[in-house]
Amino acid sequence: MQPTRVGTSDLVVSPLGLGTMSWGAGTPTDEAAAMLTQFVDHGGTLIDTAAAYGFGEVEALLGRLMTQTVRRTDLFIATKAGFVLRDGVRMIDNSRTTLLADLDGSLKRLGTDWVDLWQIHAWSDTPLEETLSAADEAVATGKARAVGVSNFVGWQVAQFHTWQKALTGAPIVCAQAEYSLLARRAELELIPCVEDLGVGFFPWSSLGRGVLTGKYLGPTPAGSRRADPAMAWFVEQYLDEESTRIVSAVVTAANGLGLTPAQVALMWVREAPGVTAALIGPRTVEQLTPLLDVADLILPDQITSALDDVSGGPHQGRGDPTDSNDV
């Protein structure tokens, strides 16, 4: 994989990021170890996790794997903070105390002194200057090399970035948001915003929460998220008639190219203007392998254009002259 620069920062990551949200409950330790090894062997560095994943269990698993399977220095670890569970209710708390406690907990579970990227997991009504002070503290103490945001819309990213620049605080270097052929809302505001600010963009759920694999075009597969009562909500919004039409087009393109629908869907996201690294969340080595196989392939222009059209229309940034992120 050809490394890519995160916005205008000096950080460099692989163009694919391995998401860990399903680890623990959905992915046994041996499977997670095999995926991590394969990912690193293929040149992958970016590992995306969060304090909230499995209430810390996922970070603890990753920490163990860094002593048994891969070296800490082989990885670019991006974690998140701010989601908490209180009285059985999950909520967002971006207070300085909560965020820094989350960070300390993450470092302990990961078994490391620092993370490469520390992200505010979601926007909240906490006074922004308080959240920003936590970000500054994380970088000033060396506990995080850089900070970013997740699940912010464009104006929120711009406000965060502008305040930090005015206060000469630790600048945000990237933003995460859902983005795929089934969810192109980021093109309206977020992607133009991060490009203008020189901020990187990490799309999550690049495969449309698994729907773009085409596996839901027939009967619900056993063991899938839709078959799990606790996770069905995660995919059902993308099982409507419009989404099915888009998935069918991806399947047709894949058949013509001799690829899988998942490979085509991932390549479309990875090549989209403004994207720094596409995050993927396979639960097995079997799911991961074909995604790594196309890490350096490019979709034909006519296929990209056809998928743009069927999923909402031309991408306004496509074809514009931009500087390469390759390093």
C-alpha atoms as a PDB file:
ATOM      1  CA  MET A   1       0.000   0.000   0.000  1.00  0.00           C
ATOM      2  CA  GLN A   2       1.262   3.456  -0.909  1.00  0.00           C
ATOM      3  CA  PRO A   3       1.293   5.630   2.238  1.00  0.00           C
ATOM      4  CA  THR A   4      -0.833   8.761   2.280  1.00  0.00           C
ATOM      5  CA  ARG A   5      -0.429  12.025   4.170  1.00  0.00           C
ATOM      6  CA  VAL A   6      -3.097  13.083   6.668  1.00  0.00           C
ATOM      7  CA  GLY A   7      -4.188  16.477   5.380  1.00  0.00           C
ATOM      8  CA  THR A   8      -1.373  19.007   5.602  1.00  0.00           C
ATOM      9  CA  SER A   9       0.095  17.430   8.750  1.00  0.00           C
ATOM     10  CA  ASP A  10       3.319  15.438   8.850  1.00  0.00           C
ATOM     11  CA  LEU A  11       1.431  12.247   9.736  1.00  0.00           C
ATOM     12  CA  VAL A  12       1.434   9.363   7.263  1.00  0.00           C
ATOM     13  CA  VAL A  13      -0.926   6.378   7.233  1.00  0.00           C
ATOM     14  CA  SER A  14      -1.873   3.479   4.995  1.00  0.00           C
ATOM     15  CA  PRO A  15      -4.745   4.180   2.548  1.00  0.00           C
ATOM     16  CA  LEU A  16      -6.826   1.524   4.313  1.00  0.00           C
ATOM     17  CA  GLY A  17      -7.551   1.552   8.013  1.00  0.00           C
ATOM     18  CA  LEU A  18      -8.493  -1.557   9.977  1.00  0.00           C
ATOM     19  CA  GLY A  19     -11.533  -0.865  12.154  1.00  0.00           C
ATOM     20  CA  THR A  20     -11.937  -2.828  15.376  1.00  0.00           C
ATOM     21  CA  MET A  21     -15.524  -2.117  16.469  1.00  0.00           C
ATOM     22  CA  SER A  22     -16.550  -5.750  15.971  1.00  0.00           C
ATOM     23  CA  TRP A  23     -13.589  -7.197  17.865  1.00  0.00           C
ATOM     24  CA  GLY A  24     -14.289  -8.939  21.134  1.00  0.00           C
ATOM     25  CA  ALA A  25     -17.915 -10.002  20.891  1.00  0.00           C
ATOM     26  CA  GLY A  26     -17.927 -10.399  17.099  1.00  0.00           C
ATOM     27  CA  THR A  27     -14.342 -11.421  16.418  1.00  0.00           C
ATOM     28  CA  PRO A  28     -12.477 -13.978  18.582  1.00  0.00           C
ATOM     29  CA  THR A  29      -8.936 -13.224  19.692  1.00  0.00           C
ATOM     30  CA  ASP A  30      -7.294 -15.655  17.278  1.00  0.00           C
ATOM     31  CA  GLU A  31      -9.219 -14.190  14.345  1.00  0.00           C
ATOM     32  CA  ALA A  32      -8.320 -10.643  15.371  1.00  0.00           C
ATOM     33  CA  ALA A  33      -4.656 -11.666  15.637  1.00  0.00           C
ATOM     34  CA  ALA A  34      -4.722 -13.225  12.173  1.00  0.00           C
ATOM     35  CA  MET A  35      -6.352 -10.136  10.663  1.00  0.00           C
ATOM     36  CA  LEU A  36      -3.903  -7.770  12.328  1.00  0.00           C
ATOM     37  CA  THR A  37      -0.941  -9.802  11.125  1.00  0.00           C
ATOM     38  CA  GLN A  38      -2.247  -9.981   7.578  1.00  0.00           C
ATOM     39  CA  PHE A  39      -3.033  -6.268   7.533  1.00  0.00           C
ATOM     40  CA  VAL A  40       0.476  -5.323   8.650  1.00  0.00           C
ATOM     41  CA  ASP A  41       2.071  -7.815   6.252  1.00  0.00           C
ATOM     42  CA  HIS A  42       0.270  -6.017   3.401  1.00  0.00           C
ATOM     43  CA  GLY A  43       1.607  -2.635   4.446  1.00  0.00           C
ATOM     44  CA  GLY A  44      -1.320  -1.550   6.590  1.00  0.00           C
ATOM     45  CA  THR A  45      -0.589   0.736   9.531  1.00  0.00           C
ATOM     46  CA  LEU A  46      -3.787   2.580  10.519  1.00  0.00           C
ATOM     47  CA  ILE A  47      -5.753   0.865  13.291  1.00  0.00           C
ATOM     48  CA  ASP A  48      -8.995   2.550  14.322  1.00  0.00           C
ATOM     49  CA  THR A  49     -10.418   1.835  17.757  1.00  0.00           C
ATOM     50  CA  ALA A  50     -12.187   3.612  20.639  1.00  0.00           C
ATOM     51  CA  ALA A  51     -12.506   3.555  24.406  1.00  0.00           C
ATOM     52  CA  ALA A  52     -16.212   2.841  23.911  1.00  0.00           C
ATOM     53  CA  TYR A  53     -15.735  -0.283  21.793  1.00  0.00           C
ATOM     54  CA  GLY A  54     -16.690  -3.168  24.030  1.00  0.00           C
ATOM     55  CA  PHE A  55     -16.399  -0.741  26.960  1.00  0.00           C
ATOM     56  CA  GLY A  56     -12.625  -0.951  26.718  1.00  0.00           C
ATOM     57  CA  GLU A  57     -12.349  -4.649  25.871  1.00  0.00           C
ATOM     58  CA  VAL A  58     -11.320  -3.979  22.269  1.00  0.00           C
ATOM     59  CA  GLU A  59      -8.443  -1.705  23.262  1.00  0.00           C
ATOM     60  CA  ALA A  60      -7.320  -4.288  25.830  1.00  0.00           C
ATOM     61  CA  LEU A  61      -7.341  -6.970  23.118  1.00  0.00           C
ATOM     62  CA  LEU A  62      -5.323  -4.747  20.792  1.00  0.00           C
ATOM     63  CA  GLY A  63      -2.878  -4.104  23.629  1.00  0.00           C
ATOM     64  CA  ARG A  64      -2.334  -7.827  24.130  1.00  0.00           C
ATOM     65  CA  LEU A  65      -1.843  -8.363  20.415  1.00  0.00           C
ATOM     66  CA  MET A  66       0.876  -5.706  20.379  1.00  0.00           C
ATOM     67  CA  THR A  67       2.879  -7.848  22.785  1.00  0.00           C
ATOM     68  CA  GLN A  68       2.192 -11.132  21.010  1.00  0.00           C
ATOM     69  CA  THR A  69       1.529 -10.534  17.318  1.00  0.00           C
ATOM     70  CA  VAL A  70       2.826  -7.189  15.981  1.00  0.00           C
ATOM     71  CA  ARG A  71       5.074  -4.409  17.252  1.00  0.00           C
ATOM     72  CA  ARG A  72       3.657  -1.149  18.550  1.00  0.00           C
ATOM     73  CA  THR A  73       5.933   0.723  16.154  1.00  0.00           C
ATOM     74  CA  ASP A  74       4.350  -1.077  13.182  1.00  0.00           C
ATOM     75  CA  LEU A  75       1.008   0.601  13.881  1.00  0.00           C
ATOM     76  CA  PHE A  76      -0.588   4.019  13.668  1.00  0.00           C
ATOM     77  CA  ILE A  77      -3.144   3.801  16.479  1.00  0.00           C
ATOM     78  CA  ALA A  78      -6.187   6.051  16.323  1.00  0.00           C
ATOM     79  CA  THR A  79      -8.562   5.887  19.265  1.00  0.00           C
ATOM     80  CA  LYS A  80     -11.518   7.977  20.453  1.00  0.00           C
ATOM     81  CA  ALA A  81     -12.992   9.350  23.661  1.00  0.00           C
ATOM     82  CA  GLY A  82     -16.223  10.867  24.935  1.00  0.00           C
ATOM     83  CA  PHE A  83     -18.820   8.078  24.869  1.00  0.00           C
ATOM     84  CA  VAL A  84     -19.737   6.988  28.388  1.00  0.00           C
ATOM     85  CA  LEU A  85     -22.263   4.684  30.046  1.00  0.00           C
ATOM     86  CA  ARG A  86     -24.118   6.145  33.037  1.00  0.00           C
ATOM     87  CA  ASP A  87     -26.956   4.376  34.807  1.00  0.00           C
ATOM     88  CA  GLY A  88     -27.239   2.041  31.849  1.00  0.00           C
ATOM     89  CA  VAL A  89     -27.617   4.930  29.377  1.00  0.00           C
ATOM     90  CA  ARG A  90     -25.009   5.633  26.722  1.00  0.00           C
ATOM     91  CA  MET A  91     -24.260   9.320  26.308  1.00  0.00           C
ATOM     92  CA  ILE A  92     -21.651  11.775  25.060  1.00  0.00           C
ATOM     93  CA  ASP A  93     -19.541  13.658  27.597  1.00  0.00           C
ATOM     94  CA  ASN A  94     -16.796  15.865  26.179  1.00  0.00           C
ATOM     95  CA  SER A  95     -15.852  17.460  29.472  1.00  0.00           C
ATOM     96  CA  ARG A  96     -12.138  17.812  30.115  1.00  0.00           C
ATOM     97  CA  THR A  97     -12.243  15.397  33.056  1.00  0.00           C
ATOM     98  CA  THR A  98     -14.065  12.651  31.156  1.00  0.00           C
ATOM     99  CA  LEU A  99     -11.996  12.965  27.999  1.00  0.00           C
ATOM    100  CA  LEU A 100      -8.655  12.849  29.767  1.00  0.00           C
ATOM    101  CA  ALA A 101      -9.803   9.957  31.944  1.00  0.00           C
ATOM    102  CA  ASP A 102     -10.792   8.115  28.760  1.00  0.00           C
ATOM    103  CA  LEU A 103      -7.357   8.807  27.290  1.00  0.00           C
ATOM    104  CA  ASP A 104      -5.530   7.520  30.361  1.00  0.00           C
ATOM    105  CA  GLY A 105      -7.722   4.420  30.310  1.00  0.00           C
ATOM    106  CA  SER A 106      -6.986   3.877  26.638  1.00  0.00           C
ATOM    107  CA  LEU A 107      -3.240   4.105  27.158  1.00  0.00           C
ATOM    108  CA  LYS A 108      -3.390   1.640  30.036  1.00  0.00           C
ATOM    109  CA  ARG A 109      -5.469  -0.875  28.084  1.00  0.00           C
ATOM    110  CA  LEU A 110      -3.334  -0.497  24.967  1.00  0.00           C
ATOM    111  CA  GLY A 111      -0.135  -0.862  26.975  1.00  0.00           C
ATOM    112  CA  THR A 112       1.473   2.160  25.351  1.00  0.00           C
ATOM    113  CA  ASP A 113       2.633   5.606  26.409  1.00  0.00           C
ATOM    114  CA  TRP A 114       1.044   7.394  23.454  1.00  0.00           C
ATOM    115  CA  VAL A 115      -1.470   7.096  20.651  1.00  0.00           C
ATOM    116  CA  ASP A 116      -0.815   8.506  17.209  1.00  0.00           C
ATOM    117  CA  LEU A 117      -4.252  10.052  16.888  1.00  0.00           C
ATOM    118  CA  TRP A 118      -6.758  10.869  19.629  1.00  0.00           C
ATOM    119  CA  GLN A 119     -10.250  11.749  18.417  1.00  0.00           C
ATOM    120  CA  ILE A 120     -13.301  13.336  20.018  1.00  0.00           C
ATOM    121  CA  HIS A 121     -15.872  10.617  19.301  1.00  0.00           C
ATOM    122  CA  ALA A 122     -18.865  12.902  18.712  1.00  0.00           C
ATOM    123  CA  TRP A 123     -20.065  16.483  19.114  1.00  0.00           C
ATOM    124  CA  SER A 124     -21.709  17.430  22.416  1.00  0.00           C
ATOM    125  CA  ASP A 125     -23.093  20.442  24.281  1.00  0.00           C
ATOM    126  CA  THR A 126     -19.981  20.669  26.458  1.00  0.00           C
ATOM    127  CA  PRO A 127     -18.474  24.176  26.133  1.00  0.00           C
ATOM    128  CA  LEU A 128     -16.100  23.941  23.221  1.00  0.00           C
ATOM    129  CA  GLU A 129     -13.216  25.628  25.019  1.00  0.00           C
ATOM    130  CA  GLU A 130     -13.314  22.886  27.656  1.00  0.00           C
ATOM    131  CA  THR A 131     -13.106  20.144  25.027  1.00  0.00           C
ATOM    132  CA  LEU A 132     -10.309  22.001  23.274  1.00  0.00           C
ATOM    133  CA  SER A 133      -8.320  22.255  26.492  1.00  0.00           C
ATOM    134  CA  ALA A 134      -8.398  18.460  26.796  1.00  0.00           C
ATOM    135  CA  ALA A 135      -7.097  18.131  23.244  1.00  0.00           C
ATOM    136  CA  ASP A 136      -4.274  20.557  24.027  1.00  0.00           C
ATOM    137  CA  GLU A 137      -3.392  18.655  27.198  1.00  0.00           C
ATOM    138  CA  ALA A 138      -3.233  15.335  25.348  1.00  0.00           C
ATOM    139  CA  VAL A 139      -0.736  16.670  22.812  1.00  0.00           C
ATOM    140  CA  ALA A 140       1.267  18.815  25.246  1.00  0.00           C
ATOM    141  CA  THR A 141       1.884  15.840  27.536  1.00  0.00           C
ATOM    142  CA  GLY A 142       2.895  13.565  24.660  1.00  0.00           C
ATOM    143  CA  LYS A 143       0.011  11.188  25.256  1.00  0.00           C
ATOM    144  CA  ALA A 144      -1.237  11.851  21.719  1.00  0.00           C
ATOM    145  CA  ARG A 145       0.759  12.849  18.684  1.00  0.00           C
ATOM    146  CA  ALA A 146      -2.255  14.599  17.177  1.00  0.00           C
ATOM    147  CA  VAL A 147      -5.984  15.113  17.656  1.00  0.00           C
ATOM    148  CA  GLY A 148      -8.991  14.705  15.412  1.00  0.00           C
ATOM    149  CA  VAL A 149     -12.773  14.531  15.474  1.00  0.00           C
ATOM    150  CA  SER A 150     -15.355  11.906  14.613  1.00  0.00           C
ATOM    151  CA  ASN A 151     -18.991  12.182  13.548  1.00  0.00           C
ATOM    152  CA  PHE A 152     -18.818  15.976  13.278  1.00  0.00           C
ATOM    153  CA  VAL A 153     -20.569  17.790  10.436  1.00  0.00           C
ATOM    154  CA  GLY A 154     -18.773  20.467   8.448  1.00  0.00           C
ATOM    155  CA  TRP A 155     -19.618  23.513  10.533  1.00  0.00           C
ATOM    156  CA  GLN A 156     -18.582  21.698  13.708  1.00  0.00           C
ATOM    157  CA  VAL A 157     -15.207  20.765  12.221  1.00  0.00           C
ATOM    158  CA  ALA A 158     -14.745  24.352  11.039  1.00  0.00           C
ATOM    159  CA  GLN A 159     -15.616  25.770  14.463  1.00  0.00           C
ATOM    160  CA  PHE A 160     -13.272  23.372  16.273  1.00  0.00           C
ATOM    161  CA  HIS A 161     -10.467  24.082  13.802  1.00  0.00           C
ATOM    162  CA  THR A 162     -10.959  27.854  13.901  1.00  0.00           C
ATOM    163  CA  TRP A 163     -10.964  28.049  17.696  1.00  0.00           C
ATOM    164  CA  GLN A 164      -7.809  25.973  17.931  1.00  0.00           C
ATOM    165  CA  LYS A 165      -6.066  28.106  15.333  1.00  0.00           C
ATOM    166  CA  ALA A 166      -7.086  31.314  17.112  1.00  0.00           C
ATOM    167  CA  LEU A 167      -5.920  29.978  20.466  1.00  0.00           C
ATOM    168  CA  THR A 168      -2.766  28.435  18.941  1.00  0.00           C
ATOM    169  CA  GLY A 169      -3.875  25.098  20.361  1.00  0.00           C
ATOM    170  CA  ALA A 170      -3.237  21.603  19.046  1.00  0.00           C
ATOM    171  CA  PRO A 171      -4.768  21.635  15.545  1.00  0.00           C
ATOM    172  CA  ILE A 172      -7.139  18.911  14.430  1.00  0.00           C
ATOM    173  CA  VAL A 173      -5.574  16.878  11.653  1.00  0.00           C
ATOM    174  CA  CYS A 174      -8.491  14.712  10.526  1.00  0.00           C
ATOM    175  CA  ALA A 175     -12.213  14.062  10.670  1.00  0.00           C
ATOM    176  CA  GLN A 176     -14.122  10.786  10.552  1.00  0.00           C
ATOM    177  CA  ALA A 177     -17.636  10.316   9.213  1.00  0.00           C
ATOM    178  CA  GLU A 178     -19.758   7.664   7.546  1.00  0.00           C
ATOM    179  CA  TYR A 179     -19.246   7.668   3.790  1.00  0.00           C
ATOM    180  CA  SER A 180     -20.038   5.109   1.107  1.00  0.00           C
ATOM    181  CA  LEU A 181     -22.083   4.650  -2.040  1.00  0.00           C
ATOM    182  CA  LEU A 182     -25.099   4.392   0.285  1.00  0.00           C
ATOM    183  CA  ALA A 183     -24.188   7.447   2.367  1.00  0.00           C
ATOM    184  CA  ARG A 184     -22.800  10.356   0.348  1.00  0.00           C
ATOM    185  CA  ARG A 185     -23.956  13.179   2.633  1.00  0.00           C
ATOM    186  CA  ALA A 186     -20.352  14.031   3.511  1.00  0.00           C
ATOM    187  CA  GLU A 187     -19.890  15.428  -0.003  1.00  0.00           C
ATOM    188  CA  LEU A 188     -22.331  18.266   0.671  1.00  0.00           C
ATOM    189  CA  GLU A 189     -20.435  19.997   3.452  1.00  0.00           C
ATOM    190  CA  LEU A 190     -17.874  17.906   5.294  1.00  0.00           C
ATOM    191  CA  ILE A 191     -15.508  16.936   2.482  1.00  0.00           C
ATOM    192  CA  PRO A 192     -15.317  20.476   1.037  1.00  0.00           C
ATOM    193  CA  CYS A 193     -14.703  21.722   4.587  1.00  0.00           C
ATOM    194  CA  VAL A 194     -11.827  19.370   5.397  1.00  0.00           C
ATOM    195  CA  GLU A 195     -10.220  19.930   2.005  1.00  0.00           C
ATOM    196  CA  ASP A 196     -10.334  23.698   2.505  1.00  0.00           C
ATOM    197  CA  LEU A 197      -8.874  23.414   6.013  1.00  0.00           C
ATOM    198  CA  GLY A 198      -6.157  20.949   5.044  1.00  0.00           C
ATOM    199  CA  VAL A 199      -7.640  18.294   7.307  1.00  0.00           C
ATOM    200  CA  GLY A 200      -7.582  14.563   6.498  1.00  0.00           C
ATOM    201  CA  PHE A 201     -10.757  12.508   6.060  1.00  0.00           C
ATOM    202  CA  PHE A 202     -11.271   8.927   7.259  1.00  0.00           C
ATOM    203  CA  PRO A 203     -14.601   7.487   6.025  1.00  0.00           C
ATOM    204  CA  TRP A 204     -16.073   4.797   8.256  1.00  0.00           C
ATOM    205  CA  SER A 205     -18.383   2.029   7.074  1.00  0.00           C
ATOM    206  CA  SER A 206     -16.952   2.191   3.566  1.00  0.00           C
ATOM    207  CA  LEU A 207     -18.971  -0.919   2.648  1.00  0.00           C
ATOM    208  CA  GLY A 208     -22.302   0.606   3.661  1.00  0.00           C
ATOM    209  CA  ARG A 209     -22.438  -1.291   6.979  1.00  0.00           C
ATOM    210  CA  GLY A 210     -21.886  -4.489   5.004  1.00  0.00           C
ATOM    211  CA  VAL A 211     -24.876  -3.976   2.727  1.00  0.00           C
ATOM    212  CA  LEU A 212     -22.689  -3.165  -0.307  1.00  0.00           C
ATOM    213  CA  THR A 213     -21.267  -6.683  -0.216  1.00  0.00           C
ATOM    214  CA  GLY A 214     -24.573  -7.769  -1.760  1.00  0.00           C
ATOM    215  CA  LYS A 215     -25.232 -10.368   0.919  1.00  0.00           C
ATOM    216  CA  TYR A 216     -28.633  -8.923   1.764  1.00  0.00           C
ATOM    217  CA  LEU A 217     -30.021  -9.146  -1.765  1.00  0.00           C
ATOM    218  CA  GLY A 218     -31.265 -12.632  -0.864  1.00  0.00           C
ATOM    219  CA  PRO A 219     -32.345 -14.257   2.396  1.00  0.00           C
ATOM    220  CA  THR A 220     -30.649 -12.857   5.488  1.00  0.00           C
ATOM    221  CA  PRO A 221     -27.410 -14.809   6.036  1.00  0.00           C
ATOM    222  CA  ALA A 222     -26.995 -16.549   9.362  1.00  0.00           C
ATOM    223  CA  GLY A 223     -24.428 -14.795  11.531  1.00  0.00           C
ATOM    224  CA  SER A 224     -24.855 -11.451   9.751  1.00  0.00           C
ATOM    225  CA  ARG A 225     -25.578  -8.192  11.551  1.00  0.00           C
ATOM    226  CA  ARG A 226     -29.156  -8.203  10.303  1.00  0.00           C
ATOM    227  CA  ALA A 227     -29.650 -11.656  11.814  1.00  0.00           C
ATOM    228  CA  ASP A 228     -28.483 -10.340  15.192  1.00  0.00           C
ATOM    229  CA  PRO A 229     -31.382  -8.669  17.088  1.00  0.00           C
ATOM    230  CA  ALA A 230     -28.909  -6.369  18.795  1.00  0.00           C
ATOM    231  CA  MET A 231     -27.373  -5.178  15.504  1.00  0.00           C
ATOM    232  CA  ALA A 232     -30.229  -5.352  12.991  1.00  0.00           C
ATOM    233  CA  TRP A 233     -30.897  -1.614  13.362  1.00  0.00           C
ATOM    234  CA  PHE A 234     -27.374  -0.937  12.095  1.00  0.00           C
ATOM    235  CA  VAL A 235     -28.124  -2.221   8.596  1.00  0.00           C
ATOM    236  CA  GLU A 236     -31.884  -1.979   8.130  1.00  0.00           C
ATOM    237  CA  GLN A 237     -31.889   1.671   7.055  1.00  0.00           C
ATOM    238  CA  TYR A 238     -29.913   0.576   3.981  1.00  0.00           C
ATOM    239  CA  LEU A 239     -32.275  -2.206   2.947  1.00  0.00           C
ATOM    240  CA  ASP A 240     -34.830   0.007   1.235  1.00  0.00           C
ATOM    241  CA  GLU A 241     -35.653   0.061  -2.475  1.00  0.00           C
ATOM    242  CA  GLU A 242     -33.216   2.868  -3.335  1.00  0.00           C
ATOM    243  CA  SER A 243     -30.318   1.185  -1.562  1.00  0.00           C
ATOM    244  CA  THR A 244     -31.113  -2.143  -3.206  1.00  0.00           C
ATOM    245  CA  ARG A 245     -30.908  -0.447  -6.613  1.00  0.00           C
ATOM    246  CA  ILE A 246     -27.448   0.905  -5.779  1.00  0.00           C
ATOM    247  CA  VAL A 247     -26.238  -2.446  -4.449  1.00  0.00           C
ATOM    248  CA  SER A 248     -27.486  -4.168  -7.605  1.00  0.00           C
ATOM    249  CA  ALA A 249     -25.457  -1.729  -9.711  1.00  0.00           C
ATOM    250  CA  VAL A 250     -22.351  -2.489  -7.648  1.00  0.00           C
ATOM    251  CA  VAL A 251     -22.928  -6.221  -8.159  1.00  0.00           C
ATOM    252  CA  THR A 252     -23.247  -5.688 -11.916  1.00  0.00           C
ATOM    253  CA  ALA A 253     -20.015  -3.685 -12.009  1.00  0.00           C
ATOM    254  CA  ALA A 254     -18.227  -6.305  -9.940  1.00  0.00           C
ATOM    255  CA  ASN A 255     -19.336  -9.113 -12.229  1.00  0.00           C
ATOM    256  CA  GLY A 256     -18.058  -7.212 -15.246  1.00  0.00           C
ATOM    257  CA  LEU A 257     -14.686  -6.555 -13.641  1.00  0.00           C
ATOM    258  CA  GLY A 258     -14.195 -10.003 -12.152  1.00  0.00           C
ATOM    259  CA  LEU A 259     -14.224  -8.543  -8.648  1.00  0.00           C
ATOM    260  CA  THR A 260     -16.482  -8.842  -5.626  1.00  0.00           C
ATOM    261  CA  PRO A 261     -19.069  -6.160  -4.778  1.00  0.00           C
ATOM    262  CA  ALA A 262     -17.163  -5.393  -1.574  1.00  0.00           C
ATOM    263  CA  GLN A 263     -13.976  -4.746  -3.554  1.00  0.00           C
ATOM    264  CA  VAL A 264     -15.743  -2.390  -5.957  1.00  0.00           C
ATOM    265  CA  ALA A 265     -17.494  -0.494  -3.158  1.00  0.00           C
ATOM    266  CA  LEU A 266     -14.231  -0.069  -1.259  1.00  0.00           C
ATOM    267  CA  MET A 267     -12.299   1.099  -4.312  1.00  0.00           C
ATOM    268  CA  TRP A 268     -14.960   3.732  -5.028  1.00  0.00           C
ATOM    269  CA  VAL A 269     -14.609   5.186  -1.514  1.00  0.00           C
ATOM    270  CA  ARG A 270     -10.828   4.976  -1.413  1.00  0.00           C
ATOM    271  CA  GLU A 271     -10.542   6.885  -4.692  1.00  0.00           C
ATOM    272  CA  ALA A 272     -13.129   9.549  -3.878  1.00  0.00           C
ATOM    273  CA  PRO A 273     -11.785  13.122  -3.742  1.00  0.00           C
ATOM    274  CA  GLY A 274     -10.827  14.224  -0.261  1.00  0.00           C
ATOM    275  CA  VAL A 275     -10.467  10.730   1.191  1.00  0.00           C
ATOM    276  CA  THR A 276      -7.265  10.072   3.120  1.00  0.00           C
ATOM    277  CA  ALA A 277      -7.833   6.483   4.258  1.00  0.00           C
ATOM    278  CA  ALA A 278     -10.933   4.311   3.999  1.00  0.00           C
ATOM    279  CA  LEU A 279     -11.812   2.450   7.187  1.00  0.00           C
ATOM    280  CA  ILE A 280     -12.953  -1.151   6.903  1.00  0.00           C
ATOM    281  CA  GLY A 281     -14.379  -3.396   9.611  1.00  0.00           C
ATOM    282  CA  PRO A 282     -14.064  -7.038   8.567  1.00  0.00           C
ATOM    283  CA  ARG A 283     -14.909  -9.625  11.190  1.00  0.00           C
ATOM    284  CA  THR A 284     -12.864 -12.456   9.662  1.00  0.00           C
ATOM    285  CA  VAL A 285      -9.708 -13.027   7.642  1.00  0.00           C
ATOM    286  CA  GLU A 286     -11.945 -14.327   4.875  1.00  0.00           C
ATOM    287  CA  GLN A 287     -13.601 -10.904   4.658  1.00  0.00           C
ATOM    288  CA  LEU A 288     -10.336  -8.973   4.954  1.00  0.00           C
ATOM    289  CA  THR A 289      -8.256 -10.784   2.320  1.00  0.00           C
ATOM    290  CA  PRO A 290     -10.128  -9.654  -0.821  1.00  0.00           C
ATOM    291  CA  LEU A 291     -10.155  -6.057   0.418  1.00  0.00           C
ATOM    292  CA  LEU A 292      -6.376  -6.085   0.745  1.00  0.00           C
ATOM    293  CA  ASP A 293      -6.088  -7.630  -2.716  1.00  0.00           C
ATOM    294  CA  VAL A 294      -7.392  -4.421  -4.324  1.00  0.00           C
ATOM    295  CA  ALA A 295      -5.461  -1.999  -2.126  1.00  0.00           C
ATOM    296  CA  ASP A 296      -3.438  -0.761  -5.090  1.00  0.00           C
ATOM    297  CA  LEU A 297      -5.992  -1.208  -7.892  1.00  0.00           C
ATOM    298  CA  ILE A 298      -8.055   1.591  -9.453  1.00  0.00           C
ATOM    299  CA  LEU A 299     -11.589   1.434 -10.857  1.00  0.00           C
ATOM    300  CA  PRO A 300     -12.009   2.288 -14.547  1.00  0.00           C
ATOM    301  CA  ASP A 301     -13.279   5.843 -14.969  1.00  0.00           C
ATOM    302  CA  GLN A 302     -16.470   4.720 -16.679  1.00  0.00           C
ATOM    303  CA  ILE A 303     -17.346   2.429 -13.766  1.00  0.00           C
ATOM    304  CA  THR A 304     -16.672   5.179 -11.247  1.00  0.00           C
ATOM    305  CA  SER A 305     -18.856   7.584 -13.227  1.00  0.00           C
ATOM    306  CA  ALA A 306     -21.685   5.048 -13.516  1.00  0.00           C
ATOM    307  CA  LEU A 307     -21.609   4.361  -9.771  1.00  0.00           C
ATOM    308  CA  ASP A 308     -21.622   8.101  -9.089  1.00  0.00           C
ATOM    309  CA  ASP A 309     -24.722   8.492 -11.231  1.00  0.00           C
ATOM    310  CA  VAL A 310     -26.671   5.606  -9.735  1.00  0.00           C
ATOM    311  CA  SER A 311     -25.885   6.582  -6.143  1.00  0.00           C
ATOM    312  CA  GLY A 312     -26.849  10.232  -6.249  1.00  0.00           C
ATOM    313  CA  GLY A 313     -25.169  11.980  -9.166  1.00  0.00           C
ATOM    314  CA  PRO A 314     -21.718  13.202 -10.140  1.00  0.00           C
ATOM    315  CA  HIS A 315     -19.195  13.825  -7.386  1.00  0.00           C
ATOM    316  CA  GLN A 316     -18.568  17.572  -7.550  1.00  0.00           C
ATOM    317  CA  GLY A 317     -14.924  17.166  -6.566  1.00  0.00           C
ATOM    318  CA  ARG A 318     -14.055  14.462  -9.056  1.00  0.00           C
ATOM    319  CA  GLY A 319     -11.781  15.546 -11.822  1.00  0.00           C
ATOM    320  CA  ASP A 320     -10.737  18.766 -10.099  1.00  0.00           C
ATOM    321  CA  PRO A 321      -6.995  19.279 -10.034  1.00  0.00           C
ATOM    322  CA  THR A 322      -5.720  18.503  -6.532  1.00  0.00           C
ATOM    323  CA  ASP A 323      -2.339  17.863  -5.056  1.00  0.00           C
ATOM    324  CA  SER A 324      -1.432  14.225  -4.618  1.00  0.00           C
ATOM    325  CA  ASN A 325      -1.373  12.818  -1.094  1.00  0.00           C
ATOM    326  CA  ASP A 326       1.200  10.195  -2.023  1.00  0.00           C
ATOM    327  CA  VAL A 327       4.462  10.450  -0.153  1.00  0.00           C
END
